[in-house]
C-alpha cells in the first residue's frame, strides 16, 4: 500500500453545488479549511456522496478549520461537494494506492 499526500483543492465556491474533490482511488481527508473573504455570512453545506455532513454559517472575514471531517474516508469516485458561494476552500488528502 502506498500513501500519497496531496492538496486536493484550493478553490472559491460558485453559486451552485461544487464538486470539490472526486478521488480516483480511496482517500482520506487530512485537512479542510474554509475562509469567508466577503462582508456577509456564508451558509456552507458539505456533502460526501450526497450525504449531508456539515451545515454551518461562516461569518464574514472568518477562517474555520473543519476538524469534524479530519480522517473522513472517501471511496473511489465518491464526490465531496460543497455549496457556499464565495467561500475559499483548501483541502489536503492522502490517497491510498496499491
N, C-alpha and C. Protein backbone atom coordinates (compact mmCIF):
# COMPACT_ATOMS: atom_id res chain seq x y z
N UNK A 1 0.85 -1.17 0.00
CA UNK A 1 0.00 0.00 0.00
C UNK A 1 0.89 1.24 0.00
N UNK A 2 0.52 2.20 -0.84
CA UNK A 2 1.27 3.44 -0.94
C UNK A 2 0.33 4.60 -0.60
N UNK A 3 0.82 5.55 0.22
CA UNK A 3 0.03 6.71 0.61
C UNK A 3 0.62 7.95 -0.05
N UNK A 4 -0.24 8.72 -0.71
CA UNK A 4 0.21 9.93 -1.40
C UNK A 4 -0.53 11.12 -0.82
N UNK A 5 0.21 12.02 -0.16
CA UNK A 5 -0.37 13.26 0.37
C UNK A 5 -0.45 14.27 -0.76
N UNK A 6 -1.60 14.95 -0.86
CA UNK A 6 -1.73 15.95 -1.92
C UNK A 6 -2.75 17.01 -1.54
N UNK A 7 -2.56 18.18 -2.12
CA UNK A 7 -3.57 19.24 -2.00
C UNK A 7 -4.65 18.90 -3.02
N UNK A 8 -5.84 18.61 -2.55
CA UNK A 8 -6.92 18.17 -3.43
C UNK A 8 -7.68 19.33 -4.05
N UNK A 9 -7.76 20.46 -3.34
CA UNK A 9 -8.50 21.61 -3.86
C UNK A 9 -8.03 22.88 -3.19
N UNK A 10 -8.02 23.94 -3.98
CA UNK A 10 -7.77 25.29 -3.49
C UNK A 10 -8.62 26.18 -4.40
N UNK A 11 -9.91 26.32 -4.05
CA UNK A 11 -10.86 26.96 -4.95
C UNK A 11 -11.77 27.93 -4.21
N UNK A 12 -12.47 28.75 -4.99
CA UNK A 12 -13.55 29.59 -4.48
C UNK A 12 -14.85 28.98 -4.98
N UNK A 13 -15.79 28.76 -4.06
CA UNK A 13 -17.05 28.12 -4.43
C UNK A 13 -17.93 29.03 -5.27
N UNK A 14 -18.55 28.45 -6.30
CA UNK A 14 -19.52 29.14 -7.14
C UNK A 14 -20.90 29.05 -6.49
N UNK A 15 -21.89 29.64 -7.13
CA UNK A 15 -23.24 29.70 -6.56
C UNK A 15 -23.91 28.33 -6.47
N UNK A 16 -23.62 27.45 -7.39
CA UNK A 16 -24.25 26.14 -7.43
C UNK A 16 -23.51 25.15 -6.52
N UNK A 17 -23.95 23.91 -6.54
CA UNK A 17 -23.23 22.85 -5.85
C UNK A 17 -21.90 22.63 -6.58
N UNK A 18 -20.82 22.53 -5.83
CA UNK A 18 -19.48 22.41 -6.39
C UNK A 18 -18.89 21.05 -6.04
N UNK A 19 -18.47 20.29 -7.05
CA UNK A 19 -17.70 19.07 -6.77
C UNK A 19 -16.28 19.53 -6.48
N UNK A 20 -15.91 19.46 -5.23
CA UNK A 20 -14.62 19.98 -4.78
C UNK A 20 -13.51 18.94 -4.97
N UNK A 21 -13.86 17.66 -4.79
CA UNK A 21 -12.86 16.59 -4.93
C UNK A 21 -13.58 15.31 -5.30
N UNK A 22 -13.06 14.63 -6.33
CA UNK A 22 -13.56 13.34 -6.75
C UNK A 22 -12.37 12.39 -6.80
N UNK A 23 -12.18 11.57 -5.76
CA UNK A 23 -10.98 10.73 -5.69
C UNK A 23 -10.94 9.67 -6.78
N UNK A 24 -9.76 9.48 -7.34
CA UNK A 24 -9.55 8.44 -8.34
C UNK A 24 -9.19 7.11 -7.67
N UNK A 25 -8.98 7.15 -6.37
CA UNK A 25 -8.68 5.98 -5.55
C UNK A 25 -9.24 6.26 -4.16
N UNK A 26 -9.25 5.29 -3.27
CA UNK A 26 -9.69 5.56 -1.90
C UNK A 26 -8.81 6.64 -1.30
N UNK A 27 -9.41 7.49 -0.47
CA UNK A 27 -8.66 8.61 0.10
C UNK A 27 -9.20 8.94 1.48
N UNK A 28 -8.47 9.83 2.16
CA UNK A 28 -8.83 10.27 3.50
C UNK A 28 -8.55 11.77 3.59
N UNK A 29 -9.51 12.53 4.13
CA UNK A 29 -9.31 13.96 4.31
C UNK A 29 -8.34 14.17 5.46
N UNK A 30 -7.30 14.98 5.24
CA UNK A 30 -6.32 15.28 6.28
C UNK A 30 -6.47 16.69 6.83
N UNK A 31 -6.92 17.62 5.99
CA UNK A 31 -7.13 19.00 6.44
C UNK A 31 -8.18 19.64 5.55
N UNK A 32 -9.04 20.45 6.17
CA UNK A 32 -10.10 21.15 5.44
C UNK A 32 -10.31 22.51 6.09
N UNK A 33 -9.99 23.56 5.34
CA UNK A 33 -10.09 24.92 5.84
C UNK A 33 -11.00 25.73 4.92
N UNK A 34 -11.90 26.50 5.52
CA UNK A 34 -12.83 27.36 4.78
C UNK A 34 -12.58 28.80 5.22
N UNK A 35 -12.50 29.71 4.25
CA UNK A 35 -12.35 31.14 4.56
C UNK A 35 -13.46 31.92 3.87
N UNK A 36 -14.07 32.84 4.59
CA UNK A 36 -15.09 33.72 4.03
C UNK A 36 -14.48 35.11 3.85
N UNK A 37 -14.09 35.47 2.62
CA UNK A 37 -13.49 36.78 2.39
C UNK A 37 -14.52 37.89 2.17
N UNK A 38 -15.80 37.54 2.21
CA UNK A 38 -16.85 38.51 1.90
C UNK A 38 -17.26 39.31 3.13
N UNK A 39 -18.11 40.30 2.91
CA UNK A 39 -18.61 41.14 4.00
C UNK A 39 -19.90 40.58 4.61
N UNK A 40 -20.38 39.47 4.07
CA UNK A 40 -21.62 38.84 4.54
C UNK A 40 -21.34 37.40 4.98
N UNK A 41 -22.18 36.85 5.87
CA UNK A 41 -22.03 35.44 6.25
C UNK A 41 -22.30 34.53 5.05
N UNK A 42 -21.68 33.36 5.05
CA UNK A 42 -21.90 32.36 4.00
C UNK A 42 -22.45 31.10 4.65
N UNK A 43 -23.57 30.61 4.10
CA UNK A 43 -24.13 29.33 4.55
C UNK A 43 -23.42 28.22 3.79
N UNK A 44 -22.70 27.40 4.52
CA UNK A 44 -21.88 26.34 3.95
C UNK A 44 -22.54 24.99 4.17
N UNK A 45 -22.57 24.19 3.11
CA UNK A 45 -23.03 22.80 3.20
C UNK A 45 -21.96 21.92 2.58
N UNK A 46 -21.61 20.84 3.28
CA UNK A 46 -20.63 19.88 2.78
C UNK A 46 -21.30 18.52 2.73
N UNK A 47 -21.19 17.85 1.57
CA UNK A 47 -21.77 16.52 1.39
C UNK A 47 -20.71 15.55 0.89
N UNK A 48 -20.83 14.31 1.33
CA UNK A 48 -20.00 13.23 0.82
C UNK A 48 -20.94 12.23 0.17
N UNK A 49 -20.78 12.07 -1.14
CA UNK A 49 -21.63 11.15 -1.92
C UNK A 49 -23.11 11.41 -1.68
N UNK A 50 -23.49 12.69 -1.63
CA UNK A 50 -24.89 13.07 -1.46
C UNK A 50 -25.39 13.08 -0.03
N UNK A 51 -24.58 12.64 0.93
CA UNK A 51 -24.98 12.62 2.33
C UNK A 51 -24.49 13.89 3.02
N UNK A 52 -25.41 14.64 3.62
CA UNK A 52 -25.05 15.88 4.30
C UNK A 52 -24.18 15.60 5.52
N UNK A 53 -23.00 16.21 5.55
CA UNK A 53 -22.06 16.02 6.65
C UNK A 53 -21.95 17.26 7.53
N UNK A 54 -21.98 18.45 6.92
CA UNK A 54 -21.80 19.71 7.64
C UNK A 54 -22.77 20.74 7.09
N UNK A 55 -23.43 21.46 7.98
CA UNK A 55 -24.22 22.65 7.63
C UNK A 55 -23.90 23.68 8.68
N UNK A 56 -23.29 24.80 8.25
CA UNK A 56 -22.95 25.84 9.21
C UNK A 56 -22.81 27.17 8.49
N UNK A 57 -22.83 28.23 9.26
CA UNK A 57 -22.65 29.57 8.73
C UNK A 57 -21.24 30.04 9.07
N UNK A 58 -20.54 30.52 8.04
CA UNK A 58 -19.19 31.07 8.22
C UNK A 58 -19.33 32.59 8.24
N UNK A 59 -18.98 33.21 9.35
CA UNK A 59 -19.15 34.66 9.48
C UNK A 59 -18.20 35.41 8.55
N UNK A 60 -18.56 36.65 8.26
CA UNK A 60 -17.77 37.49 7.36
C UNK A 60 -16.33 37.61 7.87
N UNK A 61 -15.38 37.40 6.98
CA UNK A 61 -13.97 37.55 7.32
C UNK A 61 -13.37 36.40 8.12
N UNK A 62 -14.16 35.38 8.43
CA UNK A 62 -13.69 34.29 9.29
C UNK A 62 -13.01 33.18 8.48
N UNK A 63 -12.10 32.49 9.15
CA UNK A 63 -11.48 31.27 8.63
C UNK A 63 -11.76 30.17 9.63
N UNK A 64 -12.25 29.03 9.13
CA UNK A 64 -12.57 27.91 10.03
C UNK A 64 -11.93 26.63 9.54
N UNK A 65 -11.39 25.88 10.47
CA UNK A 65 -10.88 24.54 10.22
C UNK A 65 -12.04 23.59 10.51
N UNK A 66 -12.38 22.76 9.54
CA UNK A 66 -13.49 21.82 9.71
C UNK A 66 -12.92 20.49 10.21
N UNK A 67 -12.64 20.44 11.49
CA UNK A 67 -11.94 19.28 12.07
C UNK A 67 -12.82 18.04 12.15
N UNK A 68 -14.14 18.20 12.11
CA UNK A 68 -15.02 17.03 12.21
C UNK A 68 -14.91 16.12 10.98
N UNK A 69 -14.30 16.61 9.90
CA UNK A 69 -14.11 15.76 8.72
C UNK A 69 -12.67 15.25 8.57
N UNK A 70 -11.80 15.56 9.55
CA UNK A 70 -10.44 15.01 9.50
C UNK A 70 -10.54 13.49 9.55
N UNK A 71 -9.78 12.83 8.71
CA UNK A 71 -9.74 11.37 8.59
C UNK A 71 -11.02 10.77 8.00
N UNK A 72 -11.90 11.60 7.45
CA UNK A 72 -13.10 11.10 6.76
C UNK A 72 -12.66 10.26 5.56
N UNK A 73 -13.16 9.03 5.51
CA UNK A 73 -12.84 8.15 4.40
C UNK A 73 -13.65 8.54 3.17
N UNK A 74 -13.00 8.56 2.03
CA UNK A 74 -13.66 8.78 0.75
C UNK A 74 -13.34 7.60 -0.14
N UNK A 75 -14.36 6.99 -0.69
CA UNK A 75 -14.19 5.84 -1.57
C UNK A 75 -13.98 6.35 -3.00
N UNK A 76 -13.26 5.61 -3.79
CA UNK A 76 -13.02 5.97 -5.19
C UNK A 76 -14.33 6.40 -5.85
N UNK A 77 -14.29 7.52 -6.55
CA UNK A 77 -15.42 8.10 -7.29
C UNK A 77 -16.56 8.59 -6.40
N UNK A 78 -16.33 8.75 -5.10
CA UNK A 78 -17.32 9.27 -4.17
C UNK A 78 -17.11 10.79 -4.05
N UNK A 79 -18.01 11.61 -4.62
CA UNK A 79 -17.76 13.06 -4.67
C UNK A 79 -17.89 13.76 -3.33
N UNK A 80 -16.98 14.71 -3.11
CA UNK A 80 -17.06 15.64 -2.00
C UNK A 80 -17.59 16.94 -2.61
N UNK A 81 -18.80 17.34 -2.23
CA UNK A 81 -19.42 18.53 -2.81
C UNK A 81 -19.70 19.56 -1.74
N UNK A 82 -19.72 20.83 -2.16
CA UNK A 82 -19.97 21.93 -1.23
C UNK A 82 -20.81 23.01 -1.90
N UNK A 83 -21.62 23.68 -1.09
CA UNK A 83 -22.28 24.91 -1.52
C UNK A 83 -21.90 25.99 -0.52
N UNK A 84 -21.82 27.20 -1.01
CA UNK A 84 -21.43 28.33 -0.16
C UNK A 84 -20.72 29.37 -1.01
N UNK A 85 -21.48 30.03 -1.86
CA UNK A 85 -20.91 30.96 -2.84
C UNK A 85 -19.96 31.96 -2.21
N UNK A 86 -18.75 32.03 -2.77
CA UNK A 86 -17.74 32.99 -2.33
C UNK A 86 -16.74 32.47 -1.33
N UNK A 87 -17.01 31.31 -0.73
CA UNK A 87 -16.09 30.75 0.26
C UNK A 87 -14.85 30.18 -0.43
N UNK A 88 -13.69 30.39 0.19
CA UNK A 88 -12.44 29.80 -0.28
C UNK A 88 -12.22 28.48 0.46
N UNK A 89 -11.88 27.44 -0.29
CA UNK A 89 -11.74 26.10 0.26
C UNK A 89 -10.34 25.57 0.00
N UNK A 90 -9.71 25.04 1.04
CA UNK A 90 -8.40 24.39 0.91
C UNK A 90 -8.51 23.01 1.55
N UNK A 91 -8.25 21.98 0.75
CA UNK A 91 -8.36 20.59 1.23
C UNK A 91 -7.07 19.85 0.93
N UNK A 92 -6.59 19.11 1.94
CA UNK A 92 -5.47 18.21 1.78
C UNK A 92 -5.97 16.80 2.08
N UNK A 93 -5.57 15.85 1.24
CA UNK A 93 -5.98 14.46 1.42
C UNK A 93 -4.76 13.55 1.35
N UNK A 94 -4.96 12.32 1.75
CA UNK A 94 -3.99 11.27 1.47
C UNK A 94 -4.73 10.25 0.61
N UNK A 95 -4.14 9.94 -0.56
CA UNK A 95 -4.73 8.94 -1.44
C UNK A 95 -4.04 7.61 -1.18
N UNK A 96 -4.83 6.54 -1.16
CA UNK A 96 -4.34 5.21 -0.83
C UNK A 96 -4.28 4.40 -2.12
N UNK A 97 -3.09 4.03 -2.53
CA UNK A 97 -2.93 3.26 -3.76
C UNK A 97 -2.30 1.91 -3.44
N UNK A 98 -2.41 1.01 -4.38
CA UNK A 98 -1.85 -0.33 -4.18
C UNK A 98 -0.41 -0.39 -4.62
